[in-house]
């Protein structure tokens, strides 16, 4: 019998498959988040955010795969590099509390929580900034990075804008002045390593809207109420990329539909 070597899996395919399987297993063993993360309060659809908060299983094939988990981990490593670069450049950037934990907050009996990337307490004098300042770091592909540079993060990535406003509002009680000074948004282009820094003034209206939305999500979930969709067509851009597309438009098609 002749062996068909043309169909033997390549070494990189086999090794990658092992790595991805291990990452998926590791991720599955992590405890499910039982709170509503403040970083998600700018998500476009109330129902999608409710599914996320309630821990609804994602549609088949929409679970995090190995490649997505690798992307997440690369982002964490790049964030660590950004911290090193800023400190090397003279920024007094704090990313851990004295006890070693992340800076953050917990409200509404722990049902709303947030963990900030860092707090800047001083920077090179020629910038003329006042402190303390919230620091938020994101990594993006070249297309998304260029969009942020062109239109600004509040327009290009409203989820991030809502995240920063919410953090500034809730962190004020423990880091006095953090809402009086703009946040420093950092974006790293993962394709070119280009950096984008943007000052984002505190938006109290946006923070209140995000907070009110969180309460609405929690209250509706506790009462078994399925919130309306934010879009009227399953082919909408946001719906096409939603992890609960089938559940929303098929399983729960009549429950609270818009």
C-alpha atoms as a PDB file:
ATOM      1  CA  UNK A   1       0.000   0.000   0.000  1.00  0.00           C
ATOM      2  CA  UNK A   2       1.335   3.414  -0.961  1.00  0.00           C
ATOM      3  CA  UNK A   3       1.100   6.182   1.589  1.00  0.00           C
ATOM      4  CA  UNK A   4      -0.339   9.499   0.494  1.00  0.00           C
ATOM      5  CA  UNK A   5       2.138  11.920   1.977  1.00  0.00           C
ATOM      6  CA  UNK A   6       0.365  14.842   0.309  1.00  0.00           C
ATOM      7  CA  UNK A   7      -2.409  14.641   2.914  1.00  0.00           C
ATOM      8  CA  UNK A   8      -0.264  14.351   6.004  1.00  0.00           C
ATOM      9  CA  UNK A   9      -0.813  17.315   8.333  1.00  0.00           C
ATOM     10  CA  UNK A  10       2.061  19.762   8.417  1.00  0.00           C
ATOM     11  CA  UNK A  11       4.105  20.199  11.588  1.00  0.00           C
ATOM     12  CA  UNK A  12       2.878  23.750  12.149  1.00  0.00           C
ATOM     13  CA  UNK A  13      -0.729  22.587  11.897  1.00  0.00           C
ATOM     14  CA  UNK A  14      -0.276  19.814  14.438  1.00  0.00           C
ATOM     15  CA  UNK A  15       1.658  21.945  16.934  1.00  0.00           C
ATOM     16  CA  UNK A  16      -0.799  24.843  16.606  1.00  0.00           C
ATOM     17  CA  UNK A  17      -3.711  22.463  17.126  1.00  0.00           C
ATOM     18  CA  UNK A  18      -2.147  21.199  20.355  1.00  0.00           C
ATOM     19  CA  UNK A  19      -1.552  24.742  21.594  1.00  0.00           C
ATOM     20  CA  UNK A  20      -5.058  25.889  20.710  1.00  0.00           C
ATOM     21  CA  UNK A  21      -6.649  22.863  22.355  1.00  0.00           C
ATOM     22  CA  UNK A  22      -4.684  23.547  25.540  1.00  0.00           C
ATOM     23  CA  UNK A  23      -5.718  27.218  25.524  1.00  0.00           C
ATOM     24  CA  UNK A  24      -9.383  26.363  25.006  1.00  0.00           C
ATOM     25  CA  UNK A  25      -9.239  23.829  27.848  1.00  0.00           C
ATOM     26  CA  UNK A  26      -7.546  26.328  30.140  1.00  0.00           C
ATOM     27  CA  UNK A  27     -10.131  28.991  29.288  1.00  0.00           C
ATOM     28  CA  UNK A  28     -13.023  26.581  29.904  1.00  0.00           C
ATOM     29  CA  UNK A  29     -11.683  25.808  33.378  1.00  0.00           C
ATOM     30  CA  UNK A  30     -11.718  29.446  34.438  1.00  0.00           C
ATOM     31  CA  UNK A  31     -14.705  30.455  36.611  1.00  0.00           C
ATOM     32  CA  UNK A  32     -17.422  32.388  34.811  1.00  0.00           C
ATOM     33  CA  UNK A  33     -17.594  36.086  35.520  1.00  0.00           C
ATOM     34  CA  UNK A  34     -20.584  36.719  37.769  1.00  0.00           C
ATOM     35  CA  UNK A  35     -20.625  40.490  37.446  1.00  0.00           C
ATOM     36  CA  UNK A  36     -21.211  43.040  34.717  1.00  0.00           C
ATOM     37  CA  UNK A  37     -17.851  44.372  33.606  1.00  0.00           C
ATOM     38  CA  UNK A  38     -17.743  48.145  33.257  1.00  0.00           C
ATOM     39  CA  UNK A  39     -15.559  47.698  30.183  1.00  0.00           C
ATOM     40  CA  UNK A  40     -18.598  46.283  28.376  1.00  0.00           C
ATOM     41  CA  UNK A  41     -21.186  48.956  29.135  1.00  0.00           C
ATOM     42  CA  UNK A  42     -20.735  50.600  25.735  1.00  0.00           C
ATOM     43  CA  UNK A  43     -21.738  47.459  23.799  1.00  0.00           C
ATOM     44  CA  UNK A  44     -24.257  48.415  21.116  1.00  0.00           C
ATOM     45  CA  UNK A  45     -27.108  46.033  22.023  1.00  0.00           C
ATOM     46  CA  UNK A  46     -28.855  45.725  25.403  1.00  0.00           C
ATOM     47  CA  UNK A  47     -29.861  42.137  24.750  1.00  0.00           C
ATOM     48  CA  UNK A  48     -26.346  41.068  23.774  1.00  0.00           C
ATOM     49  CA  UNK A  49     -25.008  42.649  26.952  1.00  0.00           C
ATOM     50  CA  UNK A  50     -27.709  40.870  28.950  1.00  0.00           C
ATOM     51  CA  UNK A  51     -26.791  37.507  27.412  1.00  0.00           C
ATOM     52  CA  UNK A  52     -23.176  38.177  28.352  1.00  0.00           C
ATOM     53  CA  UNK A  53     -24.033  39.125  31.935  1.00  0.00           C
ATOM     54  CA  UNK A  54     -26.316  36.118  32.380  1.00  0.00           C
ATOM     55  CA  UNK A  55     -23.679  33.740  31.042  1.00  0.00           C
ATOM     56  CA  UNK A  56     -25.850  32.501  28.170  1.00  0.00           C
ATOM     57  CA  UNK A  57     -23.946  29.900  26.104  1.00  0.00           C
ATOM     58  CA  UNK A  58     -22.678  31.305  22.828  1.00  0.00           C
ATOM     59  CA  UNK A  59     -24.011  29.897  19.579  1.00  0.00           C
ATOM     60  CA  UNK A  60     -22.302  26.791  18.237  1.00  0.00           C
ATOM     61  CA  UNK A  61     -19.032  27.803  16.631  1.00  0.00           C
ATOM     62  CA  UNK A  62     -19.028  31.224  18.338  1.00  0.00           C
ATOM     63  CA  UNK A  63     -17.116  30.178  21.435  1.00  0.00           C
ATOM     64  CA  UNK A  64     -13.599  31.528  21.918  1.00  0.00           C
ATOM     65  CA  UNK A  65     -11.232  29.423  19.837  1.00  0.00           C
ATOM     66  CA  UNK A  66      -7.491  29.048  20.201  1.00  0.00           C
ATOM     67  CA  UNK A  67      -6.652  31.777  17.722  1.00  0.00           C
ATOM     68  CA  UNK A  68      -8.825  34.338  19.537  1.00  0.00           C
ATOM     69  CA  UNK A  69      -7.289  33.357  22.871  1.00  0.00           C
ATOM     70  CA  UNK A  70      -3.813  33.805  21.376  1.00  0.00           C
ATOM     71  CA  UNK A  71      -4.809  37.275  20.197  1.00  0.00           C
ATOM     72  CA  UNK A  72      -5.927  38.141  23.741  1.00  0.00           C
ATOM     73  CA  UNK A  73      -2.630  36.968  25.225  1.00  0.00           C
ATOM     74  CA  UNK A  74      -0.553  38.902  22.685  1.00  0.00           C
ATOM     75  CA  UNK A  75      -2.546  41.995  23.641  1.00  0.00           C
ATOM     76  CA  UNK A  76      -1.657  41.488  27.310  1.00  0.00           C
ATOM     77  CA  UNK A  77       2.025  41.184  26.468  1.00  0.00           C
ATOM     78  CA  UNK A  78       1.938  44.364  24.371  1.00  0.00           C
ATOM     79  CA  UNK A  79       0.234  46.181  27.237  1.00  0.00           C
ATOM     80  CA  UNK A  80       3.110  45.141  29.513  1.00  0.00           C
ATOM     81  CA  UNK A  81       5.534  46.558  26.953  1.00  0.00           C
ATOM     82  CA  UNK A  82       3.614  49.847  26.827  1.00  0.00           C
ATOM     83  CA  UNK A  83       3.902  50.089  30.621  1.00  0.00           C
ATOM     84  CA  UNK A  84       7.661  49.565  30.379  1.00  0.00           C
ATOM     85  CA  UNK A  85       8.036  52.132  27.588  1.00  0.00           C
ATOM     86  CA  UNK A  86       6.060  54.812  29.431  1.00  0.00           C
ATOM     87  CA  UNK A  87       7.963  54.304  32.655  1.00  0.00           C
ATOM     88  CA  UNK A  88      11.240  54.406  30.762  1.00  0.00           C
ATOM     89  CA  UNK A  89      10.108  57.716  29.228  1.00  0.00           C
ATOM     90  CA  UNK A  90       9.529  59.269  32.656  1.00  0.00           C
ATOM     91  CA  UNK A  91       5.872  58.491  33.377  1.00  0.00           C
ATOM     92  CA  UNK A  92       5.005  57.562  36.951  1.00  0.00           C
ATOM     93  CA  UNK A  93       2.512  54.879  35.969  1.00  0.00           C
ATOM     94  CA  UNK A  94       0.939  52.739  38.685  1.00  0.00           C
ATOM     95  CA  UNK A  95      -0.669  49.451  37.650  1.00  0.00           C
ATOM     96  CA  UNK A  96      -0.908  47.702  41.022  1.00  0.00           C
ATOM     97  CA  UNK A  97      -2.137  48.680  44.448  1.00  0.00           C
ATOM     98  CA  UNK A  98       0.100  48.379  47.494  1.00  0.00           C
ATOM     99  CA  UNK A  99      -1.383  44.944  48.157  1.00  0.00           C
ATOM    100  CA  UNK A 100      -0.510  43.806  44.645  1.00  0.00           C
ATOM    101  CA  UNK A 101      -3.986  43.824  43.116  1.00  0.00           C
ATOM    102  CA  UNK A 102      -5.354  45.833  40.229  1.00  0.00           C
ATOM    103  CA  UNK A 103      -6.881  49.248  40.745  1.00  0.00           C
ATOM    104  CA  UNK A 104     -10.606  48.986  40.361  1.00  0.00           C
ATOM    105  CA  UNK A 105     -14.049  49.288  41.886  1.00  0.00           C
ATOM    106  CA  UNK A 106     -17.034  47.178  42.850  1.00  0.00           C
ATOM    107  CA  UNK A 107     -20.541  48.581  43.271  1.00  0.00           C
ATOM    108  CA  UNK A 108     -24.131  47.350  43.351  1.00  0.00           C
ATOM    109  CA  UNK A 109     -23.268  44.494  45.730  1.00  0.00           C
ATOM    110  CA  UNK A 110     -20.440  43.426  43.455  1.00  0.00           C
ATOM    111  CA  UNK A 111     -22.629  43.091  40.365  1.00  0.00           C
ATOM    112  CA  UNK A 112     -20.810  45.934  38.581  1.00  0.00           C
ATOM    113  CA  UNK A 113     -17.031  45.864  38.624  1.00  0.00           C
ATOM    114  CA  UNK A 114     -14.146  47.372  36.751  1.00  0.00           C
ATOM    115  CA  UNK A 115     -10.375  46.945  36.733  1.00  0.00           C
ATOM    116  CA  UNK A 116      -8.285  49.768  35.325  1.00  0.00           C
ATOM    117  CA  UNK A 117      -5.073  49.368  33.363  1.00  0.00           C
ATOM    118  CA  UNK A 118      -3.267  52.031  35.349  1.00  0.00           C
ATOM    119  CA  UNK A 119      -3.090  55.474  36.913  1.00  0.00           C
ATOM    120  CA  UNK A 120      -0.519  58.089  35.909  1.00  0.00           C
ATOM    121  CA  UNK A 121       0.678  60.260  38.777  1.00  0.00           C
ATOM    122  CA  UNK A 122       3.264  62.315  36.896  1.00  0.00           C
ATOM    123  CA  UNK A 123       4.728  62.701  33.425  1.00  0.00           C
ATOM    124  CA  UNK A 124       7.441  64.732  31.646  1.00  0.00           C
ATOM    125  CA  UNK A 125       6.930  68.401  32.519  1.00  0.00           C
ATOM    126  CA  UNK A 126       6.799  69.585  28.919  1.00  0.00           C
ATOM    127  CA  UNK A 127       3.382  67.937  28.533  1.00  0.00           C
ATOM    128  CA  UNK A 128       1.839  70.327  31.059  1.00  0.00           C
ATOM    129  CA  UNK A 129      -0.622  67.744  32.370  1.00  0.00           C
ATOM    130  CA  UNK A 130      -2.295  67.574  35.779  1.00  0.00           C
ATOM    131  CA  UNK A 131      -2.738  64.391  37.777  1.00  0.00           C
ATOM    132  CA  UNK A 132      -3.923  61.778  38.618  1.00  0.00           C
ATOM    133  CA  UNK A 133      -4.959  60.489  35.191  1.00  0.00           C
ATOM    134  CA  UNK A 134      -6.633  57.241  34.207  1.00  0.00           C
ATOM    135  CA  UNK A 135      -4.564  55.176  31.762  1.00  0.00           C
ATOM    136  CA  UNK A 136      -6.285  52.799  29.354  1.00  0.00           C
ATOM    137  CA  UNK A 137      -4.382  50.703  26.832  1.00  0.00           C
ATOM    138  CA  UNK A 138      -5.722  48.795  23.828  1.00  0.00           C
ATOM    139  CA  UNK A 139      -4.062  46.844  21.032  1.00  0.00           C
ATOM    140  CA  UNK A 140      -5.541  46.852  17.527  1.00  0.00           C
ATOM    141  CA  UNK A 141      -4.889  45.715  14.002  1.00  0.00           C
ATOM    142  CA  UNK A 142      -3.744  48.370  11.538  1.00  0.00           C
ATOM    143  CA  UNK A 143      -7.216  49.111  10.169  1.00  0.00           C
ATOM    144  CA  UNK A 144      -8.797  49.763  13.561  1.00  0.00           C
ATOM    145  CA  UNK A 145      -5.738  51.685  14.747  1.00  0.00           C
ATOM    146  CA  UNK A 146      -5.880  54.027  11.747  1.00  0.00           C
ATOM    147  CA  UNK A 147      -9.594  54.570  12.346  1.00  0.00           C
ATOM    148  CA  UNK A 148      -8.875  55.626  15.940  1.00  0.00           C
ATOM    149  CA  UNK A 149      -6.185  58.016  14.780  1.00  0.00           C
ATOM    150  CA  UNK A 150      -8.439  59.499  12.099  1.00  0.00           C
ATOM    151  CA  UNK A 151     -11.717  59.874  14.019  1.00  0.00           C
ATOM    152  CA  UNK A 152     -10.705  59.663  17.672  1.00  0.00           C
ATOM    153  CA  UNK A 153     -11.517  56.858  20.071  1.00  0.00           C
ATOM    154  CA  UNK A 154     -14.887  58.253  21.173  1.00  0.00           C
ATOM    155  CA  UNK A 155     -16.214  57.977  17.613  1.00  0.00           C
ATOM    156  CA  UNK A 156     -14.231  54.996  16.341  1.00  0.00           C
ATOM    157  CA  UNK A 157     -14.560  52.872  19.493  1.00  0.00           C
ATOM    158  CA  UNK A 158     -17.476  54.127  21.641  1.00  0.00           C
ATOM    159  CA  UNK A 159     -17.213  51.023  23.843  1.00  0.00           C
ATOM    160  CA  UNK A 160     -13.796  52.232  25.003  1.00  0.00           C
ATOM    161  CA  UNK A 161     -15.088  55.771  25.583  1.00  0.00           C
ATOM    162  CA  UNK A 162     -17.896  54.458  27.800  1.00  0.00           C
ATOM    163  CA  UNK A 163     -15.398  52.273  29.644  1.00  0.00           C
ATOM    164  CA  UNK A 164     -13.099  55.194  30.458  1.00  0.00           C
ATOM    165  CA  UNK A 165     -15.932  57.503  31.521  1.00  0.00           C
ATOM    166  CA  UNK A 166     -17.347  54.816  33.830  1.00  0.00           C
ATOM    167  CA  UNK A 167     -13.940  54.121  35.335  1.00  0.00           C
ATOM    168  CA  UNK A 168     -13.304  57.816  35.997  1.00  0.00           C
ATOM    169  CA  UNK A 169     -16.704  58.208  37.664  1.00  0.00           C
ATOM    170  CA  UNK A 170     -16.463  55.202  39.959  1.00  0.00           C
ATOM    171  CA  UNK A 171     -12.760  55.592  40.775  1.00  0.00           C
ATOM    172  CA  UNK A 172     -13.162  59.181  42.002  1.00  0.00           C
ATOM    173  CA  UNK A 173     -14.033  58.022  45.514  1.00  0.00           C
ATOM    174  CA  UNK A 174     -10.704  56.205  45.903  1.00  0.00           C
ATOM    175  CA  UNK A 175      -8.451  58.238  43.581  1.00  0.00           C
ATOM    176  CA  UNK A 176      -9.448  61.834  44.180  1.00  0.00           C
ATOM    177  CA  UNK A 177      -9.194  64.007  41.089  1.00  0.00           C
ATOM    178  CA  UNK A 178      -9.183  61.233  38.513  1.00  0.00           C
ATOM    179  CA  UNK A 179     -12.424  62.515  37.007  1.00  0.00           C
ATOM    180  CA  UNK A 180     -11.201  66.123  36.916  1.00  0.00           C
ATOM    181  CA  UNK A 181      -8.310  65.250  34.626  1.00  0.00           C
ATOM    182  CA  UNK A 182      -8.563  63.651  31.190  1.00  0.00           C
ATOM    183  CA  UNK A 183      -7.825  59.974  30.723  1.00  0.00           C
ATOM    184  CA  UNK A 184      -4.822  58.917  28.641  1.00  0.00           C
ATOM    185  CA  UNK A 185      -5.889  56.480  25.953  1.00  0.00           C
ATOM    186  CA  UNK A 186      -3.094  54.424  24.399  1.00  0.00           C
ATOM    187  CA  UNK A 187      -3.531  52.347  21.242  1.00  0.00           C
ATOM    188  CA  UNK A 188      -0.833  50.030  19.920  1.00  0.00           C
ATOM    189  CA  UNK A 189      -0.867  49.030  16.263  1.00  0.00           C
ATOM    190  CA  UNK A 190      -0.167  45.292  16.451  1.00  0.00           C
ATOM    191  CA  UNK A 191       0.958  45.216  12.820  1.00  0.00           C
ATOM    192  CA  UNK A 192       3.470  48.081  12.944  1.00  0.00           C
ATOM    193  CA  UNK A 193       3.950  48.833  16.673  1.00  0.00           C
ATOM    194  CA  UNK A 194       2.942  52.455  16.031  1.00  0.00           C
ATOM    195  CA  UNK A 195       1.577  54.237  19.094  1.00  0.00           C
ATOM    196  CA  UNK A 196      -1.397  56.549  19.484  1.00  0.00           C
ATOM    197  CA  UNK A 197      -1.997  58.641  22.580  1.00  0.00           C
ATOM    198  CA  UNK A 198      -5.179  60.607  23.074  1.00  0.00           C
ATOM    199  CA  UNK A 199      -6.459  62.671  25.997  1.00  0.00           C
ATOM    200  CA  UNK A 200     -10.124  61.962  26.747  1.00  0.00           C
ATOM    201  CA  UNK A 201     -11.944  64.480  28.930  1.00  0.00           C
ATOM    202  CA  UNK A 202     -14.310  63.017  31.510  1.00  0.00           C
ATOM    203  CA  UNK A 203     -17.821  62.714  30.089  1.00  0.00           C
ATOM    204  CA  UNK A 204     -20.187  62.726  33.060  1.00  0.00           C
ATOM    205  CA  UNK A 205     -23.266  62.285  30.858  1.00  0.00           C
ATOM    206  CA  UNK A 206     -21.785  59.202  29.203  1.00  0.00           C
ATOM    207  CA  UNK A 207     -20.758  57.780  32.583  1.00  0.00           C
ATOM    208  CA  UNK A 208     -24.275  58.247  33.975  1.00  0.00           C
ATOM    209  CA  UNK A 209     -25.812  56.686  30.881  1.00  0.00           C
ATOM    210  CA  UNK A 210     -23.518  53.670  31.176  1.00  0.00           C
ATOM    211  CA  UNK A 211     -24.281  53.307  34.887  1.00  0.00           C
ATOM    212  CA  UNK A 212     -28.034  53.520  34.299  1.00  0.00           C
ATOM    213  CA  UNK A 213     -27.707  50.926  31.573  1.00  0.00           C
ATOM    214  CA  UNK A 214     -25.894  48.559  33.906  1.00  0.00           C
ATOM    215  CA  UNK A 215     -28.693  48.824  36.449  1.00  0.00           C
ATOM    216  CA  UNK A 216     -31.248  48.154  33.706  1.00  0.00           C
ATOM    217  CA  UNK A 217     -29.379  45.031  32.538  1.00  0.00           C
ATOM    218  CA  UNK A 218     -29.076  43.659  36.075  1.00  0.00           C
ATOM    219  CA  UNK A 219     -32.663  44.428  37.046  1.00  0.00           C
ATOM    220  CA  UNK A 220     -34.133  42.900  33.893  1.00  0.00           C
ATOM    221  CA  UNK A 221     -32.035  39.760  34.287  1.00  0.00           C
ATOM    222  CA  UNK A 222     -33.019  39.323  37.925  1.00  0.00           C
ATOM    223  CA  UNK A 223     -36.698  39.607  36.957  1.00  0.00           C
ATOM    224  CA  UNK A 224     -36.412  37.206  34.016  1.00  0.00           C
ATOM    225  CA  UNK A 225     -37.176  39.944  31.499  1.00  0.00           C
ATOM    226  CA  UNK A 226     -35.512  39.635  28.102  1.00  0.00           C
ATOM    227  CA  UNK A 227     -34.576  43.103  26.919  1.00  0.00           C
ATOM    228  CA  UNK A 228     -35.336  44.275  23.371  1.00  0.00           C
ATOM    229  CA  UNK A 229     -32.771  44.033  20.647  1.00  0.00           C
ATOM    230  CA  UNK A 230     -31.157  47.274  19.567  1.00  0.00           C
ATOM    231  CA  UNK A 231     -31.517  46.342  15.896  1.00  0.00           C
ATOM    232  CA  UNK A 232     -34.503  45.256  13.819  1.00  0.00           C
ATOM    233  CA  UNK A 233     -32.726  43.061  11.276  1.00  0.00           C
ATOM    234  CA  UNK A 234     -30.531  40.009  11.852  1.00  0.00           C
ATOM    235  CA  UNK A 235     -28.335  41.083   8.944  1.00  0.00           C
ATOM    236  CA  UNK A 236     -27.282  44.265  10.750  1.00  0.00           C
ATOM    237  CA  UNK A 237     -23.514  44.566  11.107  1.00  0.00           C
ATOM    238  CA  UNK A 238     -23.594  44.285  14.897  1.00  0.00           C
ATOM    239  CA  UNK A 239     -25.875  41.226  14.766  1.00  0.00           C
ATOM    240  CA  UNK A 240     -23.762  39.384  12.194  1.00  0.00           C
ATOM    241  CA  UNK A 241     -20.817  39.404  14.583  1.00  0.00           C
ATOM    242  CA  UNK A 242     -22.790  38.676  17.759  1.00  0.00           C
ATOM    243  CA  UNK A 243     -22.046  35.471  19.676  1.00  0.00           C
ATOM    244  CA  UNK A 244     -25.783  34.993  20.315  1.00  0.00           C
ATOM    245  CA  UNK A 245     -27.191  35.647  16.838  1.00  0.00           C
ATOM    246  CA  UNK A 246     -29.038  32.315  16.552  1.00  0.00           C
ATOM    247  CA  UNK A 247     -30.275  32.392  20.141  1.00  0.00           C
ATOM    248  CA  UNK A 248     -31.572  35.938  19.750  1.00  0.00           C
ATOM    249  CA  UNK A 249     -33.297  35.571  16.386  1.00  0.00           C
ATOM    250  CA  UNK A 250     -34.429  31.945  16.657  1.00  0.00           C
ATOM    251  CA  UNK A 251     -34.609  30.539  20.197  1.00  0.00           C
ATOM    252  CA  UNK A 252     -35.668  33.833  21.790  1.00  0.00           C
ATOM    253  CA  UNK A 253     -37.235  35.322  18.684  1.00  0.00           C
ATOM    254  CA  UNK A 254     -40.427  36.455  20.430  1.00  0.00           C
ATOM    255  CA  UNK A 255     -39.153  37.291  23.886  1.00  0.00           C
ATOM    256  CA  UNK A 256     -38.921  41.046  24.240  1.00  0.00           C
ATOM    257  CA  UNK A 257     -38.072  41.473  20.573  1.00  0.00           C
ATOM    258  CA  UNK A 258     -37.868  44.930  19.163  1.00  0.00           C
END
